[in-house]
Protein backbone atom coordinates (compact mmCIF):
# COMPACT_ATOMS: atom_id res chain seq x y z
CA MET A 1 0.00 0.00 0.00
CA THR A 2 1.32 3.44 -0.87
CA PHE A 3 1.35 6.39 1.50
CA THR A 4 -1.89 7.75 2.87
CA ARG A 5 -2.65 10.98 1.06
CA SER A 6 -3.26 12.80 4.34
CA GLY A 7 0.23 11.86 5.58
CA VAL A 8 1.94 13.16 2.46
CA GLU A 9 -0.12 16.32 2.55
CA ILE A 10 0.91 16.96 6.16
CA GLU A 11 4.60 16.55 5.26
CA ILE A 12 4.32 18.88 2.26
CA ALA A 13 2.38 21.45 4.28
CA LEU A 14 5.06 21.38 6.97
CA ASP A 15 7.88 21.81 4.45
CA THR A 16 6.03 24.73 2.85
CA ALA A 17 5.53 26.37 6.23
CA LEU A 18 9.22 25.98 7.11
CA VAL A 19 10.22 27.73 3.90
CA ASP A 20 7.66 30.49 4.28
CA VAL A 21 8.46 31.36 7.90
CA THR A 22 12.16 31.92 7.20
CA ALA A 23 12.06 33.14 3.61
CA THR A 24 12.95 36.77 4.19
CA GLY A 25 15.34 38.36 1.74
CA SER A 26 17.96 36.80 -0.50
CA GLY A 27 18.84 33.19 0.25
CA GLY A 28 15.59 32.43 2.07
CA VAL A 29 15.44 29.52 4.49
CA GLY A 30 19.05 28.42 4.05
CA ARG A 31 20.55 31.81 4.79
CA ARG A 32 18.31 32.43 7.81
CA ILE A 33 19.25 29.07 9.34
CA ALA A 34 22.93 29.80 8.72
CA GLU A 35 22.58 33.18 10.45
CA LEU A 36 20.96 31.62 13.51
CA ASP A 37 23.71 29.01 13.70
CA SER A 38 26.50 31.55 13.29
CA ALA A 39 25.04 33.66 16.11
CA GLU A 40 24.53 30.52 18.26
CA GLU A 41 20.95 31.71 18.58
CA PHE A 42 18.08 29.44 19.61
CA PRO A 43 16.08 28.59 16.43
CA SER A 44 12.96 30.37 17.71
CA PRO A 45 11.47 31.18 14.28
CA LEU A 46 11.32 27.51 13.37
CA VAL A 47 10.38 26.22 16.82
CA ASP A 48 7.54 28.74 17.06
CA LEU A 49 6.41 27.68 13.61
CA LEU A 50 6.32 24.02 14.68
CA ASP A 51 4.11 24.98 17.62
CA ALA A 52 1.80 26.95 15.37
CA PHE A 53 1.71 24.08 12.88
CA GLY A 54 0.43 21.78 15.63
CA LEU A 55 3.38 19.41 15.89
CA PRO A 56 3.04 19.07 19.69
CA ALA A 57 -0.27 17.28 19.11
CA TYR A 58 1.68 14.40 17.57
CA TYR A 59 3.56 13.97 20.85
CA VAL A 60 0.34 13.23 22.76
CA PRO A 61 -1.59 9.92 22.57
CA THR A 62 -5.02 10.22 20.99
CA GLY A 63 -6.60 9.04 24.22
CA TRP A 64 -5.41 12.24 25.87
CA GLY A 65 -6.43 14.58 23.05
CA GLY A 66 -3.48 14.24 20.68
CA ALA A 67 -3.45 13.94 16.91
CA VAL A 68 -3.38 10.60 15.14
CA GLU A 69 -0.90 8.36 16.98
CA ASP A 70 1.29 7.14 14.14
CA HIS A 71 5.02 6.89 14.78
CA GLU A 72 5.82 6.47 11.10
CA LEU A 73 4.15 9.81 10.44
CA LEU A 74 5.96 11.43 13.37
CA LEU A 75 9.26 10.06 12.06
CA ARG A 76 8.48 11.61 8.68
CA LEU A 77 7.52 14.96 10.16
CA TRP A 78 10.74 15.10 12.17
CA ARG A 79 12.69 14.20 9.04
CA THR A 80 10.94 17.02 7.17
CA VAL A 81 12.20 19.48 9.79
CA ALA A 82 15.65 17.88 10.08
CA ARG A 83 16.31 18.18 6.36
CA ARG A 84 15.96 21.95 6.83
CA ASP A 85 17.56 22.37 10.25
CA LEU A 86 18.58 19.67 12.71
CA SER A 87 18.78 22.20 15.55
CA ALA A 88 15.09 23.03 15.26
CA VAL A 89 13.81 19.47 15.52
CA ILE A 90 16.21 18.63 18.37
CA ALA A 91 15.01 21.69 20.28
CA HIS A 92 11.33 20.99 19.65
CA GLY A 93 11.26 17.20 19.76
CA LYS A 94 12.70 17.06 23.26
CA THR A 95 9.18 17.41 24.61
CA TYR A 96 8.24 14.07 23.04
CA LEU A 97 11.22 12.50 24.83
CA GLY A 98 10.40 14.19 28.12
CA ALA A 99 6.78 13.07 28.04
CA ALA A 100 7.34 9.48 26.84
CA SER A 101 7.71 8.17 30.39
CA VAL A 102 4.48 9.83 31.47
CA TRP A 103 2.45 7.87 28.92
CA ILE A 104 4.11 4.65 30.10
CA ALA A 105 4.13 5.02 33.91
CA GLY A 106 1.95 7.98 34.81
CA ASP A 107 -1.56 7.65 36.19
CA ALA A 108 -4.61 9.07 34.44
CA GLU A 109 -4.40 12.40 36.25
CA GLN A 110 -0.71 12.87 35.45
CA ALA A 111 -1.22 11.90 31.81
CA ALA A 112 -4.19 14.22 31.34
CA ALA A 113 -2.37 17.15 32.92
CA THR A 114 0.77 16.54 30.88
CA ALA A 115 -1.22 16.26 27.67
CA ALA A 116 -3.00 19.55 28.36
CA ARG A 117 0.32 21.27 29.04
CA ILE A 118 1.92 20.02 25.83
CA LEU A 119 -1.10 20.95 23.73
CA ALA A 120 -0.94 24.42 25.29
CA GLY A 121 2.69 24.79 24.21
CA ALA A 122 4.64 23.75 27.32
CA GLN A 123 8.07 22.14 26.94
CA ILE A 124 9.26 19.09 28.88
CA ALA A 125 12.91 18.10 29.25
CA TRP A 126 14.21 14.61 30.01
CA ALA A 127 16.71 14.92 32.86
CA LEU A 128 18.67 11.67 32.90
CA SER A 129 22.39 12.50 32.49
CA GLU A 130 24.69 13.54 35.32
CA PRO A 131 28.22 14.96 35.17
CA ASP A 132 29.96 11.87 36.57
CA HIS A 133 27.69 9.12 35.24
CA GLY A 134 26.49 9.89 31.72
CA ALA A 135 24.57 6.87 30.40
CA ASP A 136 25.06 4.87 33.64
CA LEU A 137 21.48 5.21 34.83
CA LEU A 138 21.84 2.80 37.75
CA ASN A 139 24.46 4.86 39.57
CA GLY A 140 23.02 8.37 39.30
CA GLU A 141 23.62 10.49 42.40
CA VAL A 142 20.70 12.91 42.18
CA ALA A 143 18.67 11.79 45.20
CA ALA A 144 14.98 11.98 46.06
CA THR A 145 14.66 11.44 49.81
CA ALA A 146 11.22 10.59 51.16
CA ARG A 147 9.54 13.16 53.41
CA ALA A 148 6.18 13.20 55.07
CA ALA A 149 4.71 15.39 52.35
CA GLY A 150 6.66 14.01 49.41
CA TYR A 151 10.36 14.06 48.54
CA ARG A 152 13.46 16.22 48.90
CA LEU A 153 15.42 16.49 45.65
CA ASP A 154 19.19 17.11 45.64
CA GLY A 155 21.88 16.95 42.98
CA VAL A 156 22.83 18.03 39.47
CA LYS A 157 21.48 16.96 36.08
CA TRP A 158 23.79 17.90 33.19
CA PRO A 159 24.00 18.16 30.22
CA ILE A 160 20.28 18.34 29.50
CA ASN A 161 18.55 19.51 26.32
CA ASN A 162 16.11 22.33 27.18
CA ALA A 163 16.95 22.28 30.89
CA THR A 164 16.69 26.08 30.92
CA ARG A 165 13.84 26.70 28.50
CA ALA A 166 11.53 23.89 29.65
CA ARG A 167 9.25 24.50 32.60
CA TYR A 168 8.82 20.80 33.26
CA LEU A 169 11.44 18.06 33.60
CA THR A 170 11.14 14.30 33.92
CA VAL A 171 13.88 13.61 36.46
CA LEU A 172 15.48 10.24 37.24
CA ALA A 173 16.54 10.27 40.88
CA ARG A 174 17.87 7.74 43.38
CA THR A 175 15.35 6.55 45.97
CA GLY A 176 17.07 3.30 46.94
CA LYS A 177 20.42 1.56 46.84
CA ALA A 178 22.77 2.86 44.15
CA GLY A 179 23.74 0.48 41.37
CA THR A 180 20.62 -1.67 41.67
CA GLY A 181 17.75 -2.07 39.23
CA ARG A 182 15.25 -0.79 41.79
CA GLY A 183 17.32 2.08 43.13
CA GLN A 184 15.97 4.87 40.89
CA SER A 185 12.57 6.52 40.44
CA LEU A 186 11.08 9.00 38.01
CA PHE A 187 9.58 12.34 38.94
CA LEU A 188 7.75 14.96 36.91
CA VAL A 189 9.13 18.26 38.20
CA ASP A 190 7.50 21.66 37.70
CA LYS A 191 10.22 24.29 38.13
CA ALA A 192 7.61 26.97 38.70
CA ALA A 193 6.29 25.08 41.74
CA LEU A 194 9.68 24.78 43.48
CA GLU A 195 10.63 27.10 46.30
CA PRO A 196 13.03 29.88 45.25
CA GLY A 197 16.60 29.10 46.21
CA THR A 198 16.11 25.32 46.04
CA TRP A 199 17.17 25.09 42.41
CA ARG A 200 19.34 26.92 39.94
CA LEU A 201 20.03 26.68 36.24
CA LEU A 202 23.47 25.85 34.89
CA PRO A 203 24.62 27.93 31.91
CA LYS A 204 24.19 26.86 28.31
CA GLU A 205 27.24 24.97 27.10
CA PRO A 206 28.97 26.09 23.88
CA THR A 207 28.74 23.20 21.42
CA HIS A 208 30.45 22.25 18.16
CA GLY A 209 27.15 21.45 16.44
CA ILE A 210 23.50 22.36 17.15
CA ARG A 211 25.01 25.63 18.39
CA GLY A 212 21.77 27.40 19.26
CA VAL A 213 20.14 24.53 21.15
CA ASP A 214 19.69 24.88 24.91
CA ILE A 215 22.22 22.34 26.19
CA SER A 216 22.43 23.31 29.85
CA GLY A 217 21.69 21.81 33.25
CA ILE A 218 19.92 22.20 36.56
CA ALA A 219 21.00 21.82 40.19
CA PHE A 220 18.61 20.99 43.04
CA GLN A 221 19.27 21.66 46.74
CA ASP A 222 16.62 20.68 49.26
CA ALA A 223 13.89 21.10 46.64
CA THR A 224 10.54 19.80 47.83
CA LEU A 225 8.44 17.64 45.49
CA PRO A 226 4.87 16.60 46.21
CA ALA A 227 4.12 12.87 46.37
CA THR A 228 2.12 13.30 43.17
CA ALA A 229 5.35 14.08 41.26
CA LEU A 230 6.32 10.38 41.37
CA LEU A 231 5.70 8.59 38.05
CA GLY A 232 4.79 4.95 38.62
CA ALA A 233 5.89 2.98 41.65
CA GLU A 234 8.99 3.93 43.58
CA GLY A 235 12.02 2.03 42.27
CA THR A 236 10.68 1.56 38.72
CA GLY A 237 12.42 4.55 37.19
CA VAL A 238 15.11 2.73 35.23
CA GLU A 239 12.64 0.18 33.87
CA THR A 240 10.33 2.97 32.71
CA VAL A 241 13.21 4.83 31.07
CA LEU A 242 14.39 1.71 29.25
CA ARG A 243 10.90 1.13 27.89
CA ALA A 244 10.57 4.78 26.85
CA LEU A 245 13.96 4.62 25.13
CA GLN A 246 12.56 1.98 22.79
CA LEU A 247 10.35 4.71 21.33
CA THR A 248 12.76 7.64 21.50
CA ARG A 249 15.77 5.78 20.10
CA THR A 250 13.72 4.70 17.12
CA LEU A 251 12.48 8.20 16.41
CA CYS A 252 16.00 9.66 16.75
CA THR A 253 16.70 8.06 13.36
CA ALA A 254 14.57 10.81 11.80
CA LEU A 255 17.41 13.20 12.64
CA SER A 256 19.79 11.10 10.56
CA LEU A 257 17.33 10.67 7.69
CA GLY A 258 16.80 14.42 7.44
CA SER A 259 20.51 15.19 7.65
CA GLY A 260 21.30 12.55 5.06
CA GLU A 261 18.64 13.75 2.65
CA HIS A 262 19.79 17.36 2.91
CA ALA A 263 23.39 16.33 2.29
CA LEU A 264 22.47 14.09 -0.64
CA ARG A 265 20.48 16.86 -2.30
CA LEU A 266 23.38 19.28 -1.86
CA ALA A 267 25.86 16.77 -3.29
CA ALA A 268 23.66 15.86 -6.25
CA ALA A 269 23.03 19.51 -7.13
CA PHE A 270 26.72 20.32 -6.80
CA ALA A 271 27.78 17.39 -8.99
CA ALA A 272 25.35 18.51 -11.69
CA GLU A 273 26.29 22.22 -11.51
CA ARG A 274 30.04 22.10 -10.96
CA ILE A 275 31.88 22.36 -14.28
CA ILE A 276 35.54 21.38 -14.52
CA GLN A 277 37.27 21.29 -17.92
CA ARG A 278 33.94 21.94 -19.60
CA ARG A 279 32.33 18.85 -18.04
CA PRO A 280 30.07 18.60 -14.97
CA LEU A 281 31.29 16.41 -12.16
CA LEU A 282 28.23 14.23 -12.68
CA ALA A 283 29.63 13.18 -16.06
CA ARG A 284 32.67 11.61 -14.38
CA ALA A 285 32.84 8.07 -13.06
CA TYR A 286 34.14 8.72 -9.56
CA PRO A 287 31.58 11.38 -8.56
CA ARG A 288 28.76 9.23 -10.02
CA ALA A 289 29.94 6.24 -8.01
CA ALA A 290 30.19 8.32 -4.84
CA LEU A 291 26.71 9.72 -5.37
CA GLY A 292 25.40 6.23 -6.03
CA ARG A 293 26.91 4.90 -2.80
CA CYS A 294 25.46 7.80 -0.82
CA ALA A 295 21.99 7.26 -2.28
CA ALA A 296 22.22 3.54 -1.55
CA LEU A 297 23.19 4.05 2.09
CA LEU A 298 20.41 6.60 2.61
CA ALA A 299 17.85 4.27 1.01
CA ALA A 300 18.94 1.45 3.33
CA ALA A 301 18.77 3.77 6.35
CA GLU A 302 15.31 4.97 5.36
CA ALA A 303 13.86 1.48 4.89
CA THR A 304 15.33 0.44 8.24
CA ALA A 305 14.00 3.46 10.11
CA VAL A 306 10.53 3.43 8.57
CA VAL A 307 9.96 -0.27 9.27
CA SER A 308 11.25 0.18 12.81
CA SER A 309 8.94 3.14 13.46
CA ARG A 310 5.98 1.06 12.32
CA SER A 311 7.17 -1.82 14.50
CA ILE A 312 6.47 0.37 17.54
CA HIS A 313 2.82 -0.39 16.83
CA ALA A 314 3.00 -3.75 15.04
CA LEU A 315 5.86 -5.59 16.81
CA THR A 316 5.82 -3.78 20.16
CA GLY A 317 7.17 -6.71 22.14
CA GLU A 318 10.27 -6.85 19.92
CA MET A 319 11.22 -3.18 20.30
CA SER A 320 13.99 -3.88 22.83
CA VAL A 321 15.88 -5.46 19.92
CA ILE A 322 14.65 -3.23 17.10
CA SER A 323 15.31 0.09 18.85
CA ALA A 324 18.87 -0.90 19.77
CA VAL A 325 19.56 -2.02 16.20
CA VAL A 326 18.12 1.01 14.44
CA LYS A 327 19.64 3.56 16.83
CA ALA A 328 23.11 2.06 16.35
CA LEU A 329 22.87 1.56 12.60
CA VAL A 330 21.10 4.54 11.04
CA PRO A 331 23.37 7.28 12.47
CA THR A 332 26.38 5.13 11.58
CA LEU A 333 25.31 4.74 7.93
CA THR A 334 24.56 8.46 7.79
CA ASP A 335 27.98 9.36 9.16
CA VAL A 336 29.60 7.20 6.47
CA MET A 337 27.47 8.88 3.84
CA LEU A 338 28.35 12.36 5.09
CA GLY A 339 32.03 11.47 4.80
CA GLU A 340 31.49 10.56 1.14
CA VAL A 341 29.61 13.81 0.51
CA ALA A 342 32.38 15.83 2.16
CA GLU A 343 34.93 14.33 -0.22
CA LEU A 344 32.68 15.06 -3.20
CA LEU A 345 32.14 18.70 -2.16
CA GLY A 346 35.84 19.24 -1.45
CA ALA A 347 36.64 22.65 0.06
CA ARG A 348 32.95 23.57 0.01
CA SER A 349 32.31 20.93 2.66
CA PHE A 350 33.83 23.11 5.39
CA LEU A 351 33.52 26.67 4.10
CA THR A 352 30.77 28.51 5.92
CA ASP A 353 29.39 30.86 3.29
CA VAL A 354 30.43 29.67 -0.16
CA TYR A 355 28.00 26.97 -1.27
CA ALA A 356 24.38 26.90 -0.07
CA HIS A 357 25.30 29.24 2.81
CA GLY A 358 27.66 26.65 4.25
CA ALA A 359 24.80 24.21 4.76
CA PHE A 360 26.89 21.07 4.57
CA GLN A 361 29.42 22.00 7.26
CA LYS A 362 26.48 22.67 9.57
CA ILE A 363 24.88 19.31 8.75
CA TRP A 364 28.19 17.56 9.40
CA ARG A 365 28.71 19.31 12.75
CA ASP A 366 25.12 18.91 13.88
CA HIS A 367 24.81 15.24 13.04
CA GLN A 368 27.79 14.19 15.14
CA ILE A 369 25.63 14.27 18.28
CA VAL A 370 22.90 11.97 16.94
CA SER A 371 24.83 8.78 17.60
CA VAL A 372 25.19 9.92 21.24
CA PHE A 373 21.56 10.85 21.93
CA ASP A 374 19.49 8.39 23.98
CA GLY A 375 22.30 5.87 24.26
CA SER A 376 25.48 5.83 22.18
CA THR A 377 26.27 3.22 19.55
CA PRO A 378 28.32 1.07 22.00
CA VAL A 379 25.52 1.30 24.58
CA ASN A 380 22.94 0.06 22.07
CA ARG A 381 25.19 -2.71 20.82
CA SER A 382 25.80 -3.81 24.39
CA ALA A 383 22.03 -4.02 24.91
CA LEU A 384 21.70 -6.11 21.75
CA ILE A 385 24.50 -8.49 22.80
CA GLN A 386 22.59 -9.34 25.98
CA GLN A 387 19.85 -10.80 23.77
CA PHE A 388 22.15 -12.86 21.52
CA PRO A 389 21.12 -16.24 23.02
CA ARG A 390 17.40 -15.67 22.46
CA LEU A 391 17.94 -14.16 19.00
CA ALA A 392 20.03 -17.15 17.91
CA ARG A 393 17.45 -19.64 19.19
CA GLU A 394 14.48 -17.88 17.61
CA PHE A 395 16.29 -17.52 14.27
CA ALA A 396 17.04 -21.25 14.24
CA ALA A 397 13.39 -21.95 15.07
CA GLY A 398 12.12 -19.57 12.39
CA THR A 399 9.86 -17.75 14.85
CA VAL A 400 7.86 -15.01 13.12
CA ASP A 401 4.91 -12.86 14.18
CA THR A 402 3.37 -13.02 10.71
CA ASP A 403 0.56 -10.54 11.25
CA GLY A 404 2.73 -8.02 13.06
CA LEU A 405 5.46 -8.26 10.42
CA ALA A 406 2.97 -7.68 7.60
CA LYS A 407 1.81 -4.47 9.28
CA ALA A 408 5.36 -3.34 10.01
CA VAL A 409 6.43 -3.51 6.35
CA SER A 410 3.23 -2.01 4.89
CA VAL A 411 4.75 1.44 4.60
CA GLY A 412 2.28 4.32 4.61
CA SER A 413 -0.74 2.40 5.86
CA ALA A 414 -2.24 3.03 9.29
CA PRO A 415 0.07 1.14 11.69
CA GLY A 416 -2.68 0.36 14.21
CA PRO A 417 -2.94 1.24 17.90
CA LEU A 418 0.00 1.24 20.30
CA ASP A 419 -0.16 -0.78 23.49
CA ARG A 420 2.62 0.70 25.63
CA GLY A 421 2.05 -2.06 28.16
CA ALA A 422 3.47 -4.50 25.60
CA LEU A 423 6.91 -2.85 25.72
CA THR A 424 9.26 -5.31 27.43
CA LEU A 425 12.90 -5.15 28.50
CA LEU A 426 13.70 -8.35 26.56
CA SER A 427 12.07 -9.67 23.38
CA ARG A 428 10.45 -13.06 23.89
CA ARG A 429 10.10 -13.68 20.13
CA GLY A 430 13.47 -12.42 18.96
CA CYS A 431 13.21 -10.33 15.77
CA SER A 432 10.53 -11.32 13.28
CA LEU A 433 11.91 -9.15 10.47
CA LEU A 434 15.25 -10.92 10.42
CA GLN A 435 13.93 -14.36 11.32
CA SER A 436 11.71 -14.22 8.23
CA LEU A 437 14.61 -13.40 5.89
CA PRO A 438 15.43 -16.97 4.74
CA ALA A 439 11.86 -17.55 3.63
CA LEU A 440 11.66 -14.15 1.94
CA ALA A 441 14.92 -14.72 0.07
CA GLY A 442 13.61 -18.10 -1.08
CA SER A 443 10.39 -16.57 -2.41
CA ILE A 444 12.30 -13.87 -4.32
CA THR A 445 14.55 -16.51 -5.85
CA ALA A 446 11.52 -18.52 -6.95
CA GLU A 447 9.98 -15.54 -8.76
CA THR A 448 11.02 -13.28 -11.59
CA ALA A 449 13.16 -10.63 -9.90
CA PRO A 450 15.16 -7.62 -11.13
CA ASP A 451 18.72 -8.21 -12.31
CA GLY A 452 20.92 -9.54 -9.54
CA LEU A 453 18.35 -9.12 -6.76
CA ALA A 454 17.80 -12.82 -6.15
CA ALA A 455 21.55 -13.38 -5.88
CA HIS A 456 21.92 -10.49 -3.42
CA ALA A 457 18.99 -11.79 -1.33
CA THR A 458 20.33 -15.35 -1.27
CA ALA A 459 23.82 -14.20 -0.27
CA LEU A 460 22.43 -11.94 2.45
CA ALA A 461 20.34 -14.78 3.88
CA ALA A 462 23.38 -17.10 3.94
CA THR A 463 25.53 -14.51 5.73
CA THR A 464 22.70 -13.79 8.17
CA ARG A 465 22.54 -17.46 9.06
CA ARG A 466 26.28 -17.48 9.73
CA VAL A 467 26.01 -14.36 11.89
CA HIS A 468 23.42 -16.09 14.08
CA GLU A 469 25.62 -19.17 14.39
CA LEU A 470 28.44 -16.96 15.63
CA MET A 471 26.07 -15.14 18.01
CA ALA A 472 25.12 -18.48 19.56
CA GLU A 473 28.77 -19.04 20.46
CA VAL A 474 29.09 -15.80 22.45
CA PRO A 475 28.97 -16.62 26.18
CA PRO A 476 26.92 -14.33 28.43
CA ALA A 477 29.13 -11.68 30.02
CA ALA A 478 28.67 -8.41 31.88
CA HIS A 479 31.49 -6.96 29.77
CA PRO A 480 31.36 -8.61 26.31
CA PRO A 481 34.49 -8.94 24.17
CA MET A 482 35.04 -6.68 21.17
CA ALA A 483 34.17 -9.57 18.85
CA ALA A 484 30.63 -9.50 20.23
CA TYR A 485 30.29 -5.79 19.38
CA GLU A 486 31.43 -6.55 15.83
CA LEU A 487 28.77 -9.27 15.59
CA ALA A 488 26.19 -6.76 16.80
CA ALA A 489 27.27 -4.41 14.00
CA ALA A 490 26.92 -7.28 11.52
CA TYR A 491 23.44 -8.10 12.88
CA GLU A 492 22.39 -4.50 12.29
CA LEU A 493 23.42 -4.70 8.63
CA CYS A 494 21.52 -7.97 8.21
CA TYR A 495 18.45 -6.30 9.74
CA ALA A 496 18.76 -3.39 7.31
CA GLY A 497 18.99 -5.78 4.37
CA ALA A 498 15.86 -7.57 5.52
CA ALA A 499 14.04 -4.24 5.89
CA CYS A 500 15.00 -3.31 2.32
CA LEU A 501 13.84 -6.64 0.88
CA HIS A 502 10.56 -6.64 2.81
CA THR A 503 9.60 -3.08 1.90
CA TRP A 504 10.55 -3.59 -1.74
CA SER A 505 8.62 -6.84 -1.89
CA ALA A 506 5.51 -5.21 -0.44
CA GLU A 507 5.47 -2.48 -3.12
CA ARG A 508 7.59 -3.86 -5.95
CA HIS A 509 5.29 -2.58 -8.69
CA ARG A 510 5.56 1.13 -7.86
CA ASP A 511 6.10 3.17 -10.99
CA GLU A 512 8.70 5.67 -9.77
CA PRO A 513 12.27 6.32 -10.96
CA LEU A 514 14.07 4.74 -8.01
CA TRP A 515 11.86 1.65 -8.20
CA GLU A 516 12.58 0.85 -11.86
CA ASN A 517 14.02 -2.65 -12.12
CA GLY A 518 14.45 -2.69 -8.33
CA LEU A 519 17.12 0.01 -8.59
CA TRP A 520 17.12 1.27 -5.02
CA VAL A 521 16.90 -2.12 -3.33
CA ARG A 522 19.69 -3.57 -5.46
CA ALA A 523 21.90 -0.56 -4.69
CA ALA A 524 21.10 -0.77 -0.98
CA LEU A 525 21.78 -4.50 -0.75
CA ARG A 526 25.05 -4.15 -2.60
CA ALA A 527 26.19 -1.40 -0.23
CA LEU A 528 25.08 -3.32 2.86
CA ARG A 529 26.77 -6.53 1.75
CA VAL A 530 30.07 -4.71 1.20
CA ARG A 531 29.93 -3.34 4.75
CA LEU A 532 28.71 -6.64 6.19
CA ASP A 533 31.54 -8.70 4.69
CA ALA A 534 34.08 -6.09 5.80
CA THR A 535 32.66 -6.20 9.34
CA LEU A 536 33.01 -10.00 9.37
CA ARG A 537 36.47 -9.76 7.80
CA LEU A 538 35.35 -11.69 4.73
CA PRO A 539 36.43 -11.04 1.13
CA ALA A 540 34.42 -8.34 -0.60
CA PRO A 541 31.35 -9.72 -2.37
CA GLY A 542 31.58 -10.20 -6.11
CA ALA A 543 29.45 -8.20 -8.50
CA GLU A 544 26.01 -9.56 -9.33
CA ALA A 545 24.20 -9.19 -12.64
CA GLY A 546 23.51 -5.54 -13.42
CA ASP A 547 25.60 -4.12 -10.57
CA ASP A 548 27.85 -2.30 -13.02
CA LEU A 549 24.92 -0.16 -14.15
CA ILE A 550 23.59 0.80 -10.72
CA ASP A 551 25.77 3.83 -9.95
CA ASP A 552 25.09 5.65 -13.20
CA ALA A 553 21.36 4.98 -13.02
CA ILE A 554 20.84 6.03 -9.43
CA ALA A 555 23.15 9.07 -9.71
CA GLU A 556 21.20 10.41 -12.69
CA ARG A 557 17.86 9.94 -10.93
CA VAL A 558 18.98 11.52 -7.69
CA ALA A 559 20.52 14.49 -9.51
CA ALA A 560 17.28 15.03 -11.43
CA ALA A 561 15.26 14.83 -8.21
CA ALA A 562 17.54 17.31 -6.45
CA ARG A 563 17.01 19.75 -9.31
CA THR A 564 13.21 19.52 -9.26
CA GLY A 565 12.56 18.83 -5.58
CA ALA A 566 11.25 15.31 -6.22
CA PRO A 567 11.94 12.55 -3.66
CA VAL A 568 15.55 11.31 -3.52
CA THR A 569 14.73 8.19 -1.50
CA PRO A 570 12.32 5.31 -2.17
CA PHE A 571 9.86 6.37 0.53
CA GLY A 572 10.60 10.08 0.49
CA THR A 573 8.44 13.09 -0.24
CA PRO A 574 9.03 16.21 -2.34
CA MET A 575 11.08 19.10 -0.95
CA ILE A 576 10.85 22.69 -2.07
CA PRO A 577 14.28 23.39 -3.66
CA GLU A 578 16.55 25.81 -1.80
CA ASP A 579 18.12 28.97 -3.10
CA ARG A 580 21.83 28.09 -2.95
CA SER A 581 23.04 31.56 -3.90
């Protein structure tokens, strides 16, 4: 099924609004964003626009008055913003992150009040990190000590996105023994309700990327919280956060998709416009190959992220695996792609006001933080490694949630309701998407498929089987060896390949340029297999039928799309072209 018309219309309307709100004078949206970044100024024009557009309503469940609860659509809307300015979506989207725990652990009164605040424009920060503990949630030192009328809050949370600008914060604080799974609790803190002198803001930190975003902190000293500030039962804070992270980590991939799309459009336009010795760069083999590789990596990242966002609804019980995979992989693929684009742009990749108002150097700086947000790549791979035994067993058994998988790969259709109570810390079924790959590869081989696709699918399935065999040999350990992290990286690439094959198979007859003769899926699989074999220290895969024609074909199509504003990815939407003067 193709995209719902209403979803596409919302994306286009948002992109139009983003251009209109900043299009003042020569250079329009690109120049205004560059000016805000150069001044390290909070992106208020865009954030205010997102409020006026109604984006906060997509952060609230429909049961509490929100808009349609569809995480694929929210992923797309965030990507639409991120492909204009990553700072704006990071600044605005923090409220979704801050409120996620409320929908999971809060009672009806807390949820209703939080929903009303968000719909009225309030911001909520997620105060997890501490100066000496970072991602180590179990050993946080901010303490909530029980009192007769509630709790006394003491300690420092830093660095926190929107700690200064947000009125409300969801704070993880120690209520029990440090270092234990039941030692932390969550509290919804209203700064305006705290006694003066019991809290103070820490200054905004200067940052390499996302320069205007409010990255600051907050210190509490004998701050009194009412008993009603506690979210869920005392001691369940870490569990609630880990369940919420399954949603937020998945949606963080929208930041990478938007950054990657913006960079790809810049590179494609540059390759078509840049004339050297009376020939455009696009007419030369090396730039075409580089553009083709970039488009392939972005297509793979998109398929992976979109399927994963739909899995929030359709394969909820598997999200502990899926969220770790997608959060580790998509920013990594995007970083690789940005490196390729930087080489293609040459000096213009780091000059601040020469090509497209220095847009690429901003993208490159801004995106570096995405792999760190909501758990770094090593943190997510560590979480995946803990599930290796179950994943290996379920792959060998061929366990698949057939109905849930069908919904997850039906891009653009309504994903169905979300049961947050089905989020679990460990997946009991493994990963249906990857466990279904052998059967899917077999069905593609048995049918008439585009040039080389059946061979790519068969090879991917064989390597995936070997990866699971190696995973089964990894002994459980609190501190896994480096080889286990490399296997986790290989698993991610297998997952991406399966996402590409499933989404292509579901819509293989689409009549669009990137879908002709399976162009995008063949390019994506080729790129993923090269990285997969390198990760496993295997010889590079040989060329399959038609591979020699992929780069030229995809480069030409992406360059044409960049010129007209048409989609540059298989599941993308149009983008109003920028003034690059």
